[in-house]
Amino acid sequence: TFFAELSIYIRERNQTIHARENGSTKQIASKSCALALVRQLYHLNIIETFTGENKKKQIEKVNSPGCFLFF
């Protein structure tokens, strides 16, 4: 059995979210841990439901050559 553990700090909420999962392989443990973390973020309304539509990035060119800002 393998274990995966992940913690992230949410600055806007001054909160740390923690997930720990196990699995028969490293990959299963890692994916389970990531899913647990995403579910917590969703239930805290930090991330939205995926609607299937990709948002197009607006590119704004800066006066400096080779620099772009993505929004």
PDB file of N, CA and C in Angstrom:
ATOM      1  N   THR A   1       0.843  -1.187   0.000  1.00  0.00           N
ATOM      2  CA  THR A   1       0.000   0.000   0.000  1.00  0.00           C
ATOM      3  C   THR A   1       0.882   1.242   0.000  1.00  0.00           C
ATOM      4  N   PHE A   2       0.512   2.188  -0.849  1.00  0.00           N
ATOM      5  CA  PHE A   2       1.235   3.449  -0.958  1.00  0.00           C
ATOM      6  C   PHE A   2       0.355   4.578  -0.433  1.00  0.00           C
ATOM      7  N   PHE A   3       0.996   5.594   0.112  1.00  0.00           N
ATOM      8  CA  PHE A   3       0.280   6.752   0.631  1.00  0.00           C
ATOM      9  C   PHE A   3       0.747   8.001  -0.104  1.00  0.00           C
ATOM     10  N   ALA A   4      -0.189   8.897  -0.351  1.00  0.00           N
ATOM     11  CA  ALA A   4       0.128  10.204  -0.933  1.00  0.00           C
ATOM     12  C   ALA A   4      -0.490  11.262  -0.028  1.00  0.00           C
ATOM     13  N   GLU A   5       0.250  12.326   0.190  1.00  0.00           N
ATOM     14  CA  GLU A   5      -0.199  13.374   1.100  1.00  0.00           C
ATOM     15  C   GLU A   5       0.122  14.729   0.477  1.00  0.00           C
ATOM     16  N   LEU A   6      -0.831  15.655   0.591  1.00  0.00           N
ATOM     17  CA  LEU A   6      -0.649  16.964  -0.014  1.00  0.00           C
ATOM     18  C   LEU A   6      -1.342  18.020   0.828  1.00  0.00           C
ATOM     19  N   SER A   7      -0.674  19.137   1.020  1.00  0.00           N
ATOM     20  CA  SER A   7      -1.261  20.275   1.731  1.00  0.00           C
ATOM     21  C   SER A   7      -1.010  21.525   0.910  1.00  0.00           C
ATOM     22  N   ILE A   8      -2.024  22.376   0.820  1.00  0.00           N
ATOM     23  CA  ILE A   8      -1.837  23.663   0.165  1.00  0.00           C
ATOM     24  C   ILE A   8      -2.414  24.754   1.058  1.00  0.00           C
ATOM     25  N   TYR A   9      -1.800  25.916   0.996  1.00  0.00           N
ATOM     26  CA  TYR A   9      -2.234  27.056   1.797  1.00  0.00           C
ATOM     27  C   TYR A   9      -3.037  27.996   0.900  1.00  0.00           C
ATOM     28  N   ILE A  10      -4.228  28.366   1.346  1.00  0.00           N
ATOM     29  CA  ILE A  10      -5.090  29.296   0.630  1.00  0.00           C
ATOM     30  C   ILE A  10      -4.936  30.660   1.298  1.00  0.00           C
ATOM     31  N   ARG A  11      -4.226  31.564   0.644  1.00  0.00           N
ATOM     32  CA  ARG A  11      -3.911  32.862   1.227  1.00  0.00           C
ATOM     33  C   ARG A  11      -5.168  33.691   1.488  1.00  0.00           C
ATOM     34  N   GLU A  12      -6.139  33.661   0.543  1.00  0.00           N
ATOM     35  CA  GLU A  12      -7.348  34.471   0.687  1.00  0.00           C
ATOM     36  C   GLU A  12      -8.160  34.081   1.915  1.00  0.00           C
ATOM     37  N   ARG A  13      -8.105  32.816   2.296  1.00  0.00           N
ATOM     38  CA  ARG A  13      -8.877  32.333   3.441  1.00  0.00           C
ATOM     39  C   ARG A  13      -8.016  32.118   4.678  1.00  0.00           C
ATOM     40  N   ASN A  14      -6.711  32.290   4.543  1.00  0.00           N
ATOM     41  CA  ASN A  14      -5.786  32.036   5.644  1.00  0.00           C
ATOM     42  C   ASN A  14      -6.004  30.626   6.194  1.00  0.00           C
ATOM     43  N   GLN A  15      -6.035  29.656   5.273  1.00  0.00           N
ATOM     44  CA  GLN A  15      -6.400  28.288   5.630  1.00  0.00           C
ATOM     45  C   GLN A  15      -5.518  27.305   4.864  1.00  0.00           C
ATOM     46  N   THR A  16      -5.182  26.202   5.514  1.00  0.00           N
ATOM     47  CA  THR A  16      -4.445  25.131   4.870  1.00  0.00           C
ATOM     48  C   THR A  16      -5.387  23.963   4.631  1.00  0.00           C
ATOM     49  N   ILE A  17      -5.362  23.443   3.412  1.00  0.00           N
ATOM     50  CA  ILE A  17      -6.187  22.286   3.061  1.00  0.00           C
ATOM     51  C   ILE A  17      -5.258  21.087   2.955  1.00  0.00           C
ATOM     52  N   HIS A  18      -5.677  19.986   3.536  1.00  0.00           N
ATOM     53  CA  HIS A  18      -4.834  18.799   3.638  1.00  0.00           C
ATOM     54  C   HIS A  18      -5.580  17.585   3.089  1.00  0.00           C
ATOM     55  N   ALA A  19      -4.880  16.749   2.327  1.00  0.00           N
ATOM     56  CA  ALA A  19      -5.459  15.498   1.831  1.00  0.00           C
ATOM     57  C   ALA A  19      -4.423  14.392   1.979  1.00  0.00           C
ATOM     58  N   ARG A  20      -4.891  13.215   2.360  1.00  0.00           N
ATOM     59  CA  ARG A  20      -4.025  12.045   2.476  1.00  0.00           C
ATOM     60  C   ARG A  20      -4.832  10.834   2.044  1.00  0.00           C
ATOM     61  N   GLU A  21      -4.321  10.110   1.062  1.00  0.00           N
ATOM     62  CA  GLU A  21      -5.026   8.948   0.516  1.00  0.00           C
ATOM     63  C   GLU A  21      -4.040   7.804   0.325  1.00  0.00           C
ATOM     64  N   ASN A  22      -4.586   6.606   0.215  1.00  0.00           N
ATOM     65  CA  ASN A  22      -3.744   5.443  -0.044  1.00  0.00           C
ATOM     66  C   ASN A  22      -4.249   4.713  -1.276  1.00  0.00           C
ATOM     67  N   GLY A  23      -3.394   3.847  -1.810  1.00  0.00           N
ATOM     68  CA  GLY A  23      -3.745   3.072  -2.993  1.00  0.00           C
ATOM     69  C   GLY A  23      -2.773   1.933  -3.178  1.00  0.00           C
ATOM     70  N   SER A  24      -3.144   1.020  -4.058  1.00  0.00           N
ATOM     71  CA  SER A  24      -2.303  -0.152  -4.288  1.00  0.00           C
ATOM     72  C   SER A  24      -1.053   0.192  -5.096  1.00  0.00           C
ATOM     73  N   THR A  25      -1.081   1.299  -5.835  1.00  0.00           N
ATOM     74  CA  THR A  25       0.099   1.766  -6.571  1.00  0.00           C
ATOM     75  C   THR A  25       0.326   3.244  -6.249  1.00  0.00           C
ATOM     76  N   LYS A  26       1.504   3.732  -6.585  1.00  0.00           N
ATOM     77  CA  LYS A  26       1.801   5.148  -6.359  1.00  0.00           C
ATOM     78  C   LYS A  26       0.856   6.032  -7.171  1.00  0.00           C
ATOM     79  N   GLN A  27       0.565   5.616  -8.383  1.00  0.00           N
ATOM     80  CA  GLN A  27      -0.288   6.412  -9.258  1.00  0.00           C
ATOM     81  C   GLN A  27      -1.715   6.511  -8.718  1.00  0.00           C
ATOM     82  N   ILE A  28      -2.266   5.414  -8.233  1.00  0.00           N
ATOM     83  CA  ILE A  28      -3.621   5.426  -7.678  1.00  0.00           C
ATOM     84  C   ILE A  28      -3.670   6.282  -6.418  1.00  0.00           C
ATOM     85  N   ALA A  29      -2.669   6.157  -5.569  1.00  0.00           N
ATOM     86  CA  ALA A  29      -2.622   6.966  -4.348  1.00  0.00           C
ATOM     87  C   ALA A  29      -2.530   8.450  -4.686  1.00  0.00           C
ATOM     88  N   SER A  30      -1.711   8.786  -5.661  1.00  0.00           N
ATOM     89  CA  SER A  30      -1.533  10.176  -6.067  1.00  0.00           C
ATOM     90  C   SER A  30      -2.817  10.755  -6.652  1.00  0.00           C
ATOM     91  N   LYS A  31      -3.477  10.003  -7.515  1.00  0.00           N
ATOM     92  CA  LYS A  31      -4.714  10.480  -8.136  1.00  0.00           C
ATOM     93  C   LYS A  31      -5.834  10.612  -7.111  1.00  0.00           C
ATOM     94  N   SER A  32      -5.909   9.693  -6.179  1.00  0.00           N
ATOM     95  CA  SER A  32      -6.933   9.768  -5.129  1.00  0.00           C
ATOM     96  C   SER A  32      -6.711  10.986  -4.249  1.00  0.00           C
ATOM     97  N   CYS A  33      -5.467  11.270  -3.949  1.00  0.00           N
ATOM     98  CA  CYS A  33      -5.124  12.428  -3.127  1.00  0.00           C
ATOM     99  C   CYS A  33      -5.479  13.722  -3.858  1.00  0.00           C
ATOM    100  N   ALA A  34      -5.140  13.792  -5.131  1.00  0.00           N
ATOM    101  CA  ALA A  34      -5.460  14.982  -5.921  1.00  0.00           C
ATOM    102  C   ALA A  34      -6.968  15.192  -6.003  1.00  0.00           C
ATOM    103  N   LEU A  35      -7.720  14.126  -6.202  1.00  0.00           N
ATOM    104  CA  LEU A  35      -9.174  14.233  -6.273  1.00  0.00           C
ATOM    105  C   LEU A  35      -9.755  14.703  -4.945  1.00  0.00           C
ATOM    106  N   ALA A  36      -9.242  14.190  -3.847  1.00  0.00           N
ATOM    107  CA  ALA A  36      -9.720  14.606  -2.527  1.00  0.00           C
ATOM    108  C   ALA A  36      -9.472  16.098  -2.312  1.00  0.00           C
ATOM    109  N   LEU A  37      -8.330  16.573  -2.763  1.00  0.00           N
ATOM    110  CA  LEU A  37      -8.006  17.989  -2.618  1.00  0.00           C
ATOM    111  C   LEU A  37      -8.914  18.854  -3.493  1.00  0.00           C
ATOM    112  N   VAL A  38      -9.156  18.433  -4.723  1.00  0.00           N
ATOM    113  CA  VAL A  38     -10.036  19.176  -5.626  1.00  0.00           C
ATOM    114  C   VAL A  38     -11.456  19.218  -5.074  1.00  0.00           C
ATOM    115  N   ARG A  39     -11.917  18.125  -4.496  1.00  0.00           N
ATOM    116  CA  ARG A  39     -13.265  18.104  -3.911  1.00  0.00           C
ATOM    117  C   ARG A  39     -13.379  19.102  -2.762  1.00  0.00           C
ATOM    118  N   GLN A  40     -12.342  19.188  -1.947  1.00  0.00           N
ATOM    119  CA  GLN A  40     -12.356  20.159  -0.848  1.00  0.00           C
ATOM    120  C   GLN A  40     -12.395  21.589  -1.387  1.00  0.00           C
ATOM    121  N   LEU A  41     -11.598  21.852  -2.422  1.00  0.00           N
ATOM    122  CA  LEU A  41     -11.586  23.185  -3.023  1.00  0.00           C
ATOM    123  C   LEU A  41     -12.952  23.530  -3.606  1.00  0.00           C
ATOM    124  N   TYR A  42     -13.613  22.554  -4.208  1.00  0.00           N
ATOM    125  CA  TYR A  42     -14.937  22.776  -4.779  1.00  0.00           C
ATOM    126  C   TYR A  42     -15.961  23.073  -3.683  1.00  0.00           C
ATOM    127  N   HIS A  43     -15.954  22.305  -2.622  1.00  0.00           N
ATOM    128  CA  HIS A  43     -16.929  22.494  -1.552  1.00  0.00           C
ATOM    129  C   HIS A  43     -16.713  23.800  -0.785  1.00  0.00           C
ATOM    130  N   LEU A  44     -15.507  24.325  -0.848  1.00  0.00           N
ATOM    131  CA  LEU A  44     -15.223  25.627  -0.236  1.00  0.00           C
ATOM    132  C   LEU A  44     -15.489  26.784  -1.209  1.00  0.00           C
ATOM    133  N   ASN A  45     -15.997  26.461  -2.403  1.00  0.00           N
ATOM    134  CA  ASN A  45     -16.290  27.444  -3.460  1.00  0.00           C
ATOM    135  C   ASN A  45     -15.052  28.210  -3.912  1.00  0.00           C
ATOM    136  N   ILE A  46     -13.913  27.554  -3.888  1.00  0.00           N
ATOM    137  CA  ILE A  46     -12.679  28.167  -4.369  1.00  0.00           C
ATOM    138  C   ILE A  46     -12.531  27.910  -5.866  1.00  0.00           C
ATOM    139  N   ILE A  47     -13.001  26.756  -6.331  1.00  0.00           N
ATOM    140  CA  ILE A  47     -13.019  26.455  -7.758  1.00  0.00           C
ATOM    141  C   ILE A  47     -14.462  26.218  -8.183  1.00  0.00           C
ATOM    142  N   GLU A  48     -14.734  26.409  -9.485  1.00  0.00           N
ATOM    143  CA  GLU A  48     -16.080  26.268 -10.024  1.00  0.00           C
ATOM    144  C   GLU A  48     -16.260  24.912 -10.697  1.00  0.00           C
ATOM    145  N   THR A  49     -17.507  24.600 -10.981  1.00  0.00           N
ATOM    146  CA  THR A  49     -17.835  23.392 -11.727  1.00  0.00           C
ATOM    147  C   THR A  49     -17.323  23.533 -13.149  1.00  0.00           C
ATOM    148  N   PHE A  50     -16.775  22.458 -13.696  1.00  0.00           N
ATOM    149  CA  PHE A  50     -16.306  22.461 -15.073  1.00  0.00           C
ATOM    150  C   PHE A  50     -17.506  22.344 -16.000  1.00  0.00           C
ATOM    151  N   THR A  51     -17.687  23.318 -16.887  1.00  0.00           N
ATOM    152  CA  THR A  51     -18.841  23.334 -17.783  1.00  0.00           C
ATOM    153  C   THR A  51     -18.530  22.721 -19.140  1.00  0.00           C
ATOM    154  N   GLY A  52     -17.285  22.390 -19.387  1.00  0.00           N
ATOM    155  CA  GLY A  52     -16.899  21.835 -20.672  1.00  0.00           C
ATOM    156  C   GLY A  52     -16.412  22.885 -21.649  1.00  0.00           C
ATOM    157  N   GLU A  53     -16.558  24.153 -21.301  1.00  0.00           N
ATOM    158  CA  GLU A  53     -16.117  25.230 -22.172  1.00  0.00           C
ATOM    159  C   GLU A  53     -14.779  25.764 -21.690  1.00  0.00           C
ATOM    160  N   ASN A  54     -13.895  25.969 -22.628  1.00  0.00           N
ATOM    161  CA  ASN A  54     -12.605  26.562 -22.299  1.00  0.00           C
ATOM    162  C   ASN A  54     -12.701  28.068 -22.460  1.00  0.00           C
ATOM    163  N   LYS A  55     -12.166  28.792 -21.497  1.00  0.00           N
ATOM    164  CA  LYS A  55     -12.141  30.245 -21.595  1.00  0.00           C
ATOM    165  C   LYS A  55     -10.937  30.640 -22.434  1.00  0.00           C
ATOM    166  N   LYS A  56     -11.148  31.509 -23.388  1.00  0.00           N
ATOM    167  CA  LYS A  56     -10.040  31.981 -24.206  1.00  0.00           C
ATOM    168  C   LYS A  56      -9.279  33.044 -23.438  1.00  0.00           C
ATOM    169  N   LYS A  57      -7.973  32.954 -23.500  1.00  0.00           N
ATOM    170  CA  LYS A  57      -7.130  33.936 -22.824  1.00  0.00           C
ATOM    171  C   LYS A  57      -7.018  35.185 -23.681  1.00  0.00           C
ATOM    172  N   GLN A  58      -7.158  36.323 -23.034  1.00  0.00           N
ATOM    173  CA  GLN A  58      -6.954  37.585 -23.726  1.00  0.00           C
ATOM    174  C   GLN A  58      -5.477  37.942 -23.598  1.00  0.00           C
ATOM    175  N   ILE A  59      -4.878  38.285 -24.709  1.00  0.00           N
ATOM    176  CA  ILE A  59      -3.455  38.623 -24.709  1.00  0.00           C
ATOM    177  C   ILE A  59      -3.315  40.135 -24.880  1.00  0.00           C
ATOM    178  N   GLU A  60      -2.584  40.732 -23.962  1.00  0.00           N
ATOM    179  CA  GLU A  60      -2.333  42.169 -24.030  1.00  0.00           C
ATOM    180  C   GLU A  60      -0.835  42.362 -24.211  1.00  0.00           C
ATOM    181  N   LYS A  61      -0.462  43.030 -25.287  1.00  0.00           N
ATOM    182  CA  LYS A  61       0.951  43.232 -25.569  1.00  0.00           C
ATOM    183  C   LYS A  61       1.484  44.412 -24.764  1.00  0.00           C
ATOM    184  N   VAL A  62       2.636  44.199 -24.149  1.00  0.00           N
ATOM    185  CA  VAL A  62       3.312  45.237 -23.378  1.00  0.00           C
ATOM    186  C   VAL A  62       4.346  45.882 -24.291  1.00  0.00           C
ATOM    187  N   ASN A  63       4.708  47.122 -24.011  1.00  0.00           N
ATOM    188  CA  ASN A  63       5.656  47.848 -24.861  1.00  0.00           C
ATOM    189  C   ASN A  63       7.016  47.174 -24.958  1.00  0.00           C
ATOM    190  N   SER A  64       7.353  46.348 -24.002  1.00  0.00           N
ATOM    191  CA  SER A  64       8.641  45.670 -24.012  1.00  0.00           C
ATOM    192  C   SER A  64       8.594  44.513 -25.011  1.00  0.00           C
ATOM    193  N   PRO A  65       9.615  44.366 -25.870  1.00  0.00           N
ATOM    194  CA  PRO A  65       9.588  43.284 -26.860  1.00  0.00           C
ATOM    195  C   PRO A  65       9.651  41.910 -26.186  1.00  0.00           C
ATOM    196  N   GLY A  66       8.812  41.026 -26.655  1.00  0.00           N
ATOM    197  CA  GLY A  66       8.811  39.665 -26.138  1.00  0.00           C
ATOM    198  C   GLY A  66       8.035  39.479 -24.853  1.00  0.00           C
ATOM    199  N   CYS A  67       7.352  40.507 -24.359  1.00  0.00           N
ATOM    200  CA  CYS A  67       6.587  40.391 -23.117  1.00  0.00           C
ATOM    201  C   CYS A  67       5.103  40.439 -23.413  1.00  0.00           C
ATOM    202  N   PHE A  68       4.378  39.490 -22.861  1.00  0.00           N
ATOM    203  CA  PHE A  68       2.936  39.445 -23.013  1.00  0.00           C
ATOM    204  C   PHE A  68       2.305  39.190 -21.658  1.00  0.00           C
ATOM    205  N   LEU A  69       1.134  39.741 -21.435  1.00  0.00           N
ATOM    206  CA  LEU A  69       0.369  39.481 -20.222  1.00  0.00           C
ATOM    207  C   LEU A  69      -0.832  38.638 -20.598  1.00  0.00           C
ATOM    208  N   PHE A  70      -1.074  37.553 -19.880  1.00  0.00           N
ATOM    209  CA  PHE A  70      -2.217  36.691 -20.128  1.00  0.00           C
ATOM    210  C   PHE A  70      -3.235  36.902 -19.033  1.00  0.00           C
ATOM    211  N   PHE A  71      -4.483  37.093 -19.410  1.00  0.00           N
ATOM    212  CA  PHE A  71      -5.562  37.281 -18.451  1.00  0.00           C
ATOM    213  C   PHE A  71      -6.599  36.205 -18.650  1.00  0.00           C
TER     214      PHE A  71
END
